[in-house]
Amino acid sequence: MTKTKTMEAKKETPPPIIDQLKEYAETRIKLAKYQAIEGGSTIAASLIADVAVLMSMLLAFLFASITLALYLGKLLGDYWTGFGIVAVLYLIIAFSIKASKRQIEKLLANEFVKKIFKN
């Protein structure tokens, strides 16, 4: 009868290897979660920094454009002429970008993929 109780006690407690495997699996899951959080936060921080830089550059570009238009207007005697010249300049730039749209899209897509998979 004592043999039966001892065998039952052995059956109820799992072998140490199973406990270690469970602990290992839990640790791997936690590690995967932490790596995902780190990757997501890195991408988010990078995007926020890029947006801040882009906004700063956009504002600098806007004020430089207004300054150029006012300067050209003063040189030519009419402010509307200076603003017209700057507008035509941007129209030329826009057509140039439109003509090379595919190359720009590839470049931007490659940079975005690099940013996502950066280690």
C-alpha atoms as a PDB file:
ATOM      1  CA  MET A   1       0.000   0.000   0.000  1.00  0.00           C
ATOM      2  CA  THR A   2       2.817   2.429   0.626  1.00  0.00           C
ATOM      3  CA  LYS A   3       4.190   1.641  -2.789  1.00  0.00           C
ATOM      4  CA  THR A   4       0.937   2.806  -4.356  1.00  0.00           C
ATOM      5  CA  LYS A   5       1.009   6.099  -2.464  1.00  0.00           C
ATOM      6  CA  THR A   6       4.608   6.700  -3.466  1.00  0.00           C
ATOM      7  CA  MET A   7       3.787   5.991  -7.128  1.00  0.00           C
ATOM      8  CA  GLU A   8       0.802   8.331  -6.996  1.00  0.00           C
ATOM      9  CA  ALA A   9       2.943  11.065  -5.489  1.00  0.00           C
ATOM     10  CA  LYS A  10       5.465  10.613  -8.282  1.00  0.00           C
ATOM     11  CA  LYS A  11       2.717  10.808 -10.919  1.00  0.00           C
ATOM     12  CA  GLU A  12       1.284  14.031  -9.474  1.00  0.00           C
ATOM     13  CA  THR A  13       4.551  15.993  -9.487  1.00  0.00           C
ATOM     14  CA  PRO A  14       5.772  16.639 -13.017  1.00  0.00           C
ATOM     15  CA  PRO A  15       9.404  15.920 -13.822  1.00  0.00           C
ATOM     16  CA  PRO A  16      11.766  18.896 -13.449  1.00  0.00           C
ATOM     17  CA  ILE A  17      12.394  19.038 -17.217  1.00  0.00           C
ATOM     18  CA  ILE A  18       8.743  19.889 -17.910  1.00  0.00           C
ATOM     19  CA  ASP A  19       8.871  22.745 -15.409  1.00  0.00           C
ATOM     20  CA  GLN A  20      12.046  24.016 -17.039  1.00  0.00           C
ATOM     21  CA  LEU A  21      10.479  23.814 -20.494  1.00  0.00           C
ATOM     22  CA  LYS A  22       7.421  25.747 -19.322  1.00  0.00           C
ATOM     23  CA  GLU A  23       9.620  28.390 -17.733  1.00  0.00           C
ATOM     24  CA  TYR A  24      11.718  28.576 -20.904  1.00  0.00           C
ATOM     25  CA  ALA A  25       8.604  29.029 -23.073  1.00  0.00           C
ATOM     26  CA  GLU A  26       7.292  31.787 -20.786  1.00  0.00           C
ATOM     27  CA  THR A  27      10.667  33.524 -20.870  1.00  0.00           C
ATOM     28  CA  ARG A  28      10.786  33.341 -24.672  1.00  0.00           C
ATOM     29  CA  ILE A  29       7.279  34.820 -24.907  1.00  0.00           C
ATOM     30  CA  LYS A  30       8.238  37.686 -22.581  1.00  0.00           C
ATOM     31  CA  LEU A  31      11.399  38.297 -24.601  1.00  0.00           C
ATOM     32  CA  ALA A  32       9.409  38.426 -27.857  1.00  0.00           C
ATOM     33  CA  LYS A  33       6.976  40.917 -26.297  1.00  0.00           C
ATOM     34  CA  TYR A  34       9.805  43.139 -25.066  1.00  0.00           C
ATOM     35  CA  GLN A  35      11.526  43.033 -28.451  1.00  0.00           C
ATOM     36  CA  ALA A  36       8.267  43.997 -30.167  1.00  0.00           C
ATOM     37  CA  ILE A  37       7.763  46.880 -27.738  1.00  0.00           C
ATOM     38  CA  GLU A  38      11.332  48.054 -28.278  1.00  0.00           C
ATOM     39  CA  GLY A  39      10.967  47.894 -32.057  1.00  0.00           C
ATOM     40  CA  GLY A  40       7.652  49.745 -31.999  1.00  0.00           C
ATOM     41  CA  SER A  41       8.889  52.456 -29.682  1.00  0.00           C
ATOM     42  CA  THR A  42      12.054  52.917 -31.755  1.00  0.00           C
ATOM     43  CA  ILE A  43      10.008  53.321 -34.930  1.00  0.00           C
ATOM     44  CA  ALA A  44       7.570  55.699 -33.213  1.00  0.00           C
ATOM     45  CA  ALA A  45      10.374  57.835 -31.788  1.00  0.00           C
ATOM     46  CA  SER A  46      12.109  57.942 -35.151  1.00  0.00           C
ATOM     47  CA  LEU A  47       8.914  58.953 -36.932  1.00  0.00           C
ATOM     48  CA  ILE A  48       8.183  61.685 -34.390  1.00  0.00           C
ATOM     49  CA  ALA A  49      11.710  63.053 -34.765  1.00  0.00           C
ATOM     50  CA  ASP A  50      11.414  62.923 -38.560  1.00  0.00           C
ATOM     51  CA  VAL A  51       8.091  64.778 -38.458  1.00  0.00           C
ATOM     52  CA  ALA A  52       9.595  67.473 -36.215  1.00  0.00           C
ATOM     53  CA  VAL A  53      12.543  67.900 -38.578  1.00  0.00           C
ATOM     54  CA  LEU A  54      10.229  67.945 -41.591  1.00  0.00           C
ATOM     55  CA  MET A  55       8.003  70.610 -40.019  1.00  0.00           C
ATOM     56  CA  SER A  56      11.033  72.759 -39.154  1.00  0.00           C
ATOM     57  CA  MET A  57      12.365  72.430 -42.682  1.00  0.00           C
ATOM     58  CA  LEU A  58       8.950  73.242 -44.130  1.00  0.00           C
ATOM     59  CA  LEU A  59       8.680  76.405 -42.052  1.00  0.00           C
ATOM     60  CA  ALA A  60      12.214  77.458 -42.986  1.00  0.00           C
ATOM     61  CA  PHE A  61      11.408  76.808 -46.645  1.00  0.00           C
ATOM     62  CA  LEU A  62       8.188  78.804 -46.397  1.00  0.00           C
ATOM     63  CA  PHE A  63       9.867  81.826 -44.817  1.00  0.00           C
ATOM     64  CA  ALA A  64      12.786  81.625 -47.259  1.00  0.00           C
ATOM     65  CA  SER A  65      10.273  81.605 -50.129  1.00  0.00           C
ATOM     66  CA  ILE A  66       8.485  84.670 -48.793  1.00  0.00           C
ATOM     67  CA  THR A  67      11.820  86.406 -48.277  1.00  0.00           C
ATOM     68  CA  LEU A  68      12.913  85.600 -51.836  1.00  0.00           C
ATOM     69  CA  ALA A  69       9.592  86.791 -53.250  1.00  0.00           C
ATOM     70  CA  LEU A  70       9.773  90.075 -51.327  1.00  0.00           C
ATOM     71  CA  TYR A  71      13.388  90.607 -52.380  1.00  0.00           C
ATOM     72  CA  LEU A  72      12.634  89.939 -56.050  1.00  0.00           C
ATOM     73  CA  GLY A  73       9.571  92.171 -55.796  1.00  0.00           C
ATOM     74  CA  LYS A  74      11.667  94.993 -54.390  1.00  0.00           C
ATOM     75  CA  LEU A  75      14.271  94.558 -57.140  1.00  0.00           C
ATOM     76  CA  LEU A  76      11.641  94.508 -59.884  1.00  0.00           C
ATOM     77  CA  GLY A  77       9.491  97.256 -58.401  1.00  0.00           C
ATOM     78  CA  ASP A  78       6.318  95.163 -57.925  1.00  0.00           C
ATOM     79  CA  TYR A  79       5.812  92.638 -55.172  1.00  0.00           C
ATOM     80  CA  TRP A  80       3.382  90.616 -57.249  1.00  0.00           C
ATOM     81  CA  THR A  81       6.135  90.072 -59.839  1.00  0.00           C
ATOM     82  CA  GLY A  82       8.470  88.645 -57.187  1.00  0.00           C
ATOM     83  CA  PHE A  83       5.782  86.304 -55.888  1.00  0.00           C
ATOM     84  CA  GLY A  84       4.935  85.321 -59.482  1.00  0.00           C
ATOM     85  CA  ILE A  85       8.554  84.401 -60.220  1.00  0.00           C
ATOM     86  CA  VAL A  86       8.746  82.288 -57.053  1.00  0.00           C
ATOM     87  CA  ALA A  87       5.465  80.597 -57.977  1.00  0.00           C
ATOM     88  CA  VAL A  88       6.773  79.754 -61.457  1.00  0.00           C
ATOM     89  CA  LEU A  89       9.966  78.415 -59.875  1.00  0.00           C
ATOM     90  CA  TYR A  90       7.906  76.081 -57.673  1.00  0.00           C
ATOM     91  CA  LEU A  91       5.807  75.051 -60.652  1.00  0.00           C
ATOM     92  CA  ILE A  92       8.980  73.995 -62.474  1.00  0.00           C
ATOM     93  CA  ILE A  93      10.126  72.076 -59.390  1.00  0.00           C
ATOM     94  CA  ALA A  94       6.718  70.371 -59.131  1.00  0.00           C
ATOM     95  CA  PHE A  95       6.840  69.248 -62.771  1.00  0.00           C
ATOM     96  CA  SER A  96      10.372  67.921 -62.244  1.00  0.00           C
ATOM     97  CA  ILE A  97       9.237  65.912 -59.237  1.00  0.00           C
ATOM     98  CA  LYS A  98       6.225  64.618 -61.150  1.00  0.00           C
ATOM     99  CA  ALA A  99       8.492  63.464 -63.983  1.00  0.00           C
ATOM    100  CA  SER A 100      10.722  61.492 -61.609  1.00  0.00           C
ATOM    101  CA  LYS A 101       7.905  60.238 -59.363  1.00  0.00           C
ATOM    102  CA  ARG A 102       8.743  56.508 -59.720  1.00  0.00           C
ATOM    103  CA  GLN A 103      12.374  56.953 -58.682  1.00  0.00           C
ATOM    104  CA  ILE A 104      11.392  59.101 -55.709  1.00  0.00           C
ATOM    105  CA  GLU A 105       8.772  56.534 -54.606  1.00  0.00           C
ATOM    106  CA  LYS A 106      11.341  53.712 -54.759  1.00  0.00           C
ATOM    107  CA  LEU A 107      13.850  55.755 -52.787  1.00  0.00           C
ATOM    108  CA  LEU A 108      11.313  56.661 -50.101  1.00  0.00           C
ATOM    109  CA  ALA A 109       9.998  53.081 -49.861  1.00  0.00           C
ATOM    110  CA  ASN A 110      13.532  51.725 -49.464  1.00  0.00           C
ATOM    111  CA  GLU A 111      14.328  54.265 -46.750  1.00  0.00           C
ATOM    112  CA  PHE A 112      11.101  53.442 -44.915  1.00  0.00           C
ATOM    113  CA  VAL A 113      11.859  49.702 -45.020  1.00  0.00           C
ATOM    114  CA  LYS A 114      15.404  50.360 -43.755  1.00  0.00           C
ATOM    115  CA  LYS A 115      13.989  52.413 -40.883  1.00  0.00           C
ATOM    116  CA  ILE A 116      11.550  49.652 -39.920  1.00  0.00           C
ATOM    117  CA  PHE A 117      14.106  46.844 -40.009  1.00  0.00           C
ATOM    118  CA  LYS A 118      16.994  48.824 -38.520  1.00  0.00           C
ATOM    119  CA  ASN A 119      18.691  46.909 -35.712  1.00  0.00           C
END
